[in-house]
C-alpha atoms as a PDB file:
ATOM      1  CA  MET A   1       0.000   0.000   0.000  1.00  0.00           C
ATOM      2  CA  GLU A   2       2.805   2.434   0.865  1.00  0.00           C
ATOM      3  CA  GLU A   3       4.371   1.927  -2.578  1.00  0.00           C
ATOM      4  CA  GLN A   4       1.083   2.871  -4.208  1.00  0.00           C
ATOM      5  CA  ILE A   5       0.943   6.127  -2.224  1.00  0.00           C
ATOM      6  CA  VAL A   6       4.501   6.991  -3.229  1.00  0.00           C
ATOM      7  CA  GLU A   7       3.607   6.354  -6.883  1.00  0.00           C
ATOM      8  CA  LEU A   8       0.545   8.607  -6.622  1.00  0.00           C
ATOM      9  CA  LYS A   9       2.597  11.394  -5.045  1.00  0.00           C
ATOM     10  CA  ALA A  10       5.210  11.042  -7.778  1.00  0.00           C
ATOM     11  CA  ALA A  11       2.506  11.273 -10.451  1.00  0.00           C
ATOM     12  CA  ILE A  12       1.242  14.580  -9.040  1.00  0.00           C
ATOM     13  CA  LEU A  13       4.735  16.038  -8.802  1.00  0.00           C
ATOM     14  CA  LYS A  14       5.573  14.780 -12.300  1.00  0.00           C
ATOM     15  CA  ALA A  15       2.456  16.471 -13.671  1.00  0.00           C
ATOM     16  CA  MET A  16       3.633  19.754 -12.153  1.00  0.00           C
ATOM     17  CA  ALA A  17       7.332  19.397 -12.981  1.00  0.00           C
ATOM     18  CA  GLN A  18       7.441  21.058 -16.388  1.00  0.00           C
ATOM     19  CA  PRO A  19       7.989  24.778 -17.093  1.00  0.00           C
ATOM     20  CA  THR A  20       4.913  25.283 -19.291  1.00  0.00           C
ATOM     21  CA  ARG A  21       2.668  23.508 -16.813  1.00  0.00           C
ATOM     22  CA  LEU A  22       4.078  25.600 -13.965  1.00  0.00           C
ATOM     23  CA  LYS A  23       3.349  28.759 -15.976  1.00  0.00           C
ATOM     24  CA  ILE A  24      -0.201  27.561 -16.616  1.00  0.00           C
ATOM     25  CA  LEU A  25      -0.743  26.851 -12.913  1.00  0.00           C
ATOM     26  CA  GLU A  26       0.673  30.246 -11.934  1.00  0.00           C
ATOM     27  CA  SER A  27      -1.621  31.947 -14.458  1.00  0.00           C
ATOM     28  CA  LEU A  28      -4.578  30.212 -12.785  1.00  0.00           C
ATOM     29  CA  ARG A  29      -3.617  31.520  -9.349  1.00  0.00           C
ATOM     30  CA  SER A  30      -6.065  34.391  -9.785  1.00  0.00           C
ATOM     31  CA  GLY A  31      -8.892  32.027 -10.753  1.00  0.00           C
ATOM     32  CA  GLU A  32     -10.498  30.302 -13.692  1.00  0.00           C
ATOM     33  CA  LYS A  33      -9.348  31.330 -17.166  1.00  0.00           C
ATOM     34  CA  CYS A  34     -10.153  30.516 -20.746  1.00  0.00           C
ATOM     35  CA  ILE A  35      -7.379  28.752 -22.660  1.00  0.00           C
ATOM     36  CA  CYS A  36      -7.570  31.767 -24.986  1.00  0.00           C
ATOM     37  CA  GLU A  37      -6.469  33.933 -22.015  1.00  0.00           C
ATOM     38  CA  ILE A  38      -3.721  31.550 -20.887  1.00  0.00           C
ATOM     39  CA  VAL A  39      -2.030  31.408 -24.318  1.00  0.00           C
ATOM     40  CA  PRO A  40      -0.937  35.083 -24.423  1.00  0.00           C
ATOM     41  CA  THR A  41      -0.256  35.189 -20.678  1.00  0.00           C
ATOM     42  CA  ILE A  42       2.432  32.521 -20.910  1.00  0.00           C
ATOM     43  CA  ASN A  43       3.438  33.303 -24.511  1.00  0.00           C
ATOM     44  CA  GLY A  44       2.767  29.822 -25.852  1.00  0.00           C
ATOM     45  CA  GLU A  45       0.976  28.016 -28.647  1.00  0.00           C
ATOM     46  CA  GLN A  46      -2.627  26.947 -28.094  1.00  0.00           C
ATOM     47  CA  SER A  47      -2.124  23.336 -29.225  1.00  0.00           C
ATOM     48  CA  ASN A  48       0.860  22.899 -26.900  1.00  0.00           C
ATOM     49  CA  ILE A  49      -0.913  24.526 -23.962  1.00  0.00           C
ATOM     50  CA  SER A  50      -4.027  22.429 -24.588  1.00  0.00           C
ATOM     51  CA  ARG A  51      -1.915  19.256 -24.432  1.00  0.00           C
ATOM     52  CA  HIS A  52      -0.392  20.337 -21.117  1.00  0.00           C
ATOM     53  CA  ILE A  53      -3.819  21.193 -19.710  1.00  0.00           C
ATOM     54  CA  SER A  54      -5.123  17.790 -20.813  1.00  0.00           C
ATOM     55  CA  MET A  55      -2.220  16.083 -19.052  1.00  0.00           C
ATOM     56  CA  MET A  56      -2.847  18.058 -15.865  1.00  0.00           C
ATOM     57  CA  GLN A  57      -6.546  17.234 -16.106  1.00  0.00           C
ATOM     58  CA  LYS A  58      -5.730  13.514 -16.235  1.00  0.00           C
ATOM     59  CA  SER A  59      -3.624  14.017 -13.090  1.00  0.00           C
ATOM     60  CA  HIS A  60      -6.533  15.821 -11.392  1.00  0.00           C
ATOM     61  CA  LEU A  61      -4.622  19.102 -11.044  1.00  0.00           C
ATOM     62  CA  VAL A  62      -7.061  21.112 -13.155  1.00  0.00           C
ATOM     63  CA  THR A  63     -10.634  20.896 -14.347  1.00  0.00           C
ATOM     64  CA  THR A  64     -12.056  22.155 -17.615  1.00  0.00           C
ATOM     65  CA  ARG A  65     -15.517  23.096 -18.729  1.00  0.00           C
ATOM     66  CA  LYS A  66     -16.992  24.387 -21.961  1.00  0.00           C
ATOM     67  CA  GLU A  67     -18.567  27.819 -22.068  1.00  0.00           C
ATOM     68  CA  GLY A  68     -19.836  28.136 -25.632  1.00  0.00           C
ATOM     69  CA  VAL A  69     -16.724  27.813 -27.790  1.00  0.00           C
ATOM     70  CA  ARG A  70     -14.433  28.706 -24.889  1.00  0.00           C
ATOM     71  CA  VAL A  71     -12.699  26.087 -22.754  1.00  0.00           C
ATOM     72  CA  MET A  72     -12.408  27.295 -19.181  1.00  0.00           C
ATOM     73  CA  VAL A  73      -9.624  25.931 -16.961  1.00  0.00           C
ATOM     74  CA  ASN A  74      -9.483  25.981 -13.181  1.00  0.00           C
ATOM     75  CA  VAL A  75      -7.191  24.498 -10.555  1.00  0.00           C
ATOM     76  CA  LYS A  76      -9.022  21.591  -8.942  1.00  0.00           C
ATOM     77  CA  ASN A  77      -7.424  21.965  -5.515  1.00  0.00           C
ATOM     78  CA  PRO A  78      -5.938  25.324  -4.428  1.00  0.00           C
ATOM     79  CA  MET A  79      -3.422  23.456  -2.235  1.00  0.00           C
ATOM     80  CA  VAL A  80      -1.411  23.168  -5.467  1.00  0.00           C
ATOM     81  CA  PHE A  81      -0.424  26.785  -4.848  1.00  0.00           C
ATOM     82  CA  ASP A  82       0.839  25.842  -1.371  1.00  0.00           C
ATOM     83  CA  ILE A  83       3.216  23.404  -3.073  1.00  0.00           C
ATOM     84  CA  LEU A  84       4.393  26.084  -5.510  1.00  0.00           C
ATOM     85  CA  ASP A  85       4.866  28.538  -2.634  1.00  0.00           C
ATOM     86  CA  LYS A  86       6.928  25.984  -0.678  1.00  0.00           C
ATOM     87  CA  VAL A  87       9.172  25.484  -3.708  1.00  0.00           C
ATOM     88  CA  SER A  88       9.625  29.267  -3.925  1.00  0.00           C
ATOM     89  CA  THR A  89      10.603  29.343  -0.238  1.00  0.00           C
ATOM     90  CA  ILE A  90      13.161  26.588  -0.828  1.00  0.00           C
ATOM     91  CA  LEU A  91      14.613  28.561  -3.756  1.00  0.00           C
ATOM     92  CA  LYS A  92      14.803  31.767  -1.714  1.00  0.00           C
ATOM     93  CA  THR A  93      16.644  29.915   1.045  1.00  0.00           C
ATOM     94  CA  ARG A  94      19.086  28.448  -1.470  1.00  0.00           C
ATOM     95  CA  ILE A  95      19.736  31.863  -3.023  1.00  0.00           C
ATOM     96  CA  LYS A  96      20.384  33.397   0.406  1.00  0.00           C
ATOM     97  CA  GLU A  97      22.868  30.617   1.189  1.00  0.00           C
ATOM     98  CA  GLN A  98      24.650  31.245  -2.113  1.00  0.00           C
ATOM     99  CA  GLU A  99      24.755  34.977  -1.403  1.00  0.00           C
ATOM    100  CA  LYS A 100      26.440  34.276   1.953  1.00  0.00           C
ATOM    101  CA  LEU A 101      29.065  32.193   0.170  1.00  0.00           C
ATOM    102  CA  LEU A 102      29.627  34.916  -2.427  1.00  0.00           C
ATOM    103  CA  ASN A 103      30.117  37.484   0.312  1.00  0.00           C
ATOM    104  CA  GLN A 104      32.856  35.335   1.787  1.00  0.00           C
ATOM    105  CA  ILE A 105      34.896  35.489  -1.396  1.00  0.00           C
END
């Protein structure tokens, strides 16, 4: 059972661990958006972004719904942003440590 949980955790992290998908998630921080709004926000191509959204949907990170011809995307669980914030905190800590080393030179 424990192995299955580890695999599920890895699947979620794998679904997030790609620059375009991270940009998409960050663009959804302010709430639901149409794919047509995400494309210019992250400076990507619609077909590529749609593939990434589909992958994240299969991993239960985002949900989509049709609104006429528009496809609306939303983060399924806002705790995803807690994960992204924790990663940012780790990066800030690492940068501060590197700055201390640089100051010693």
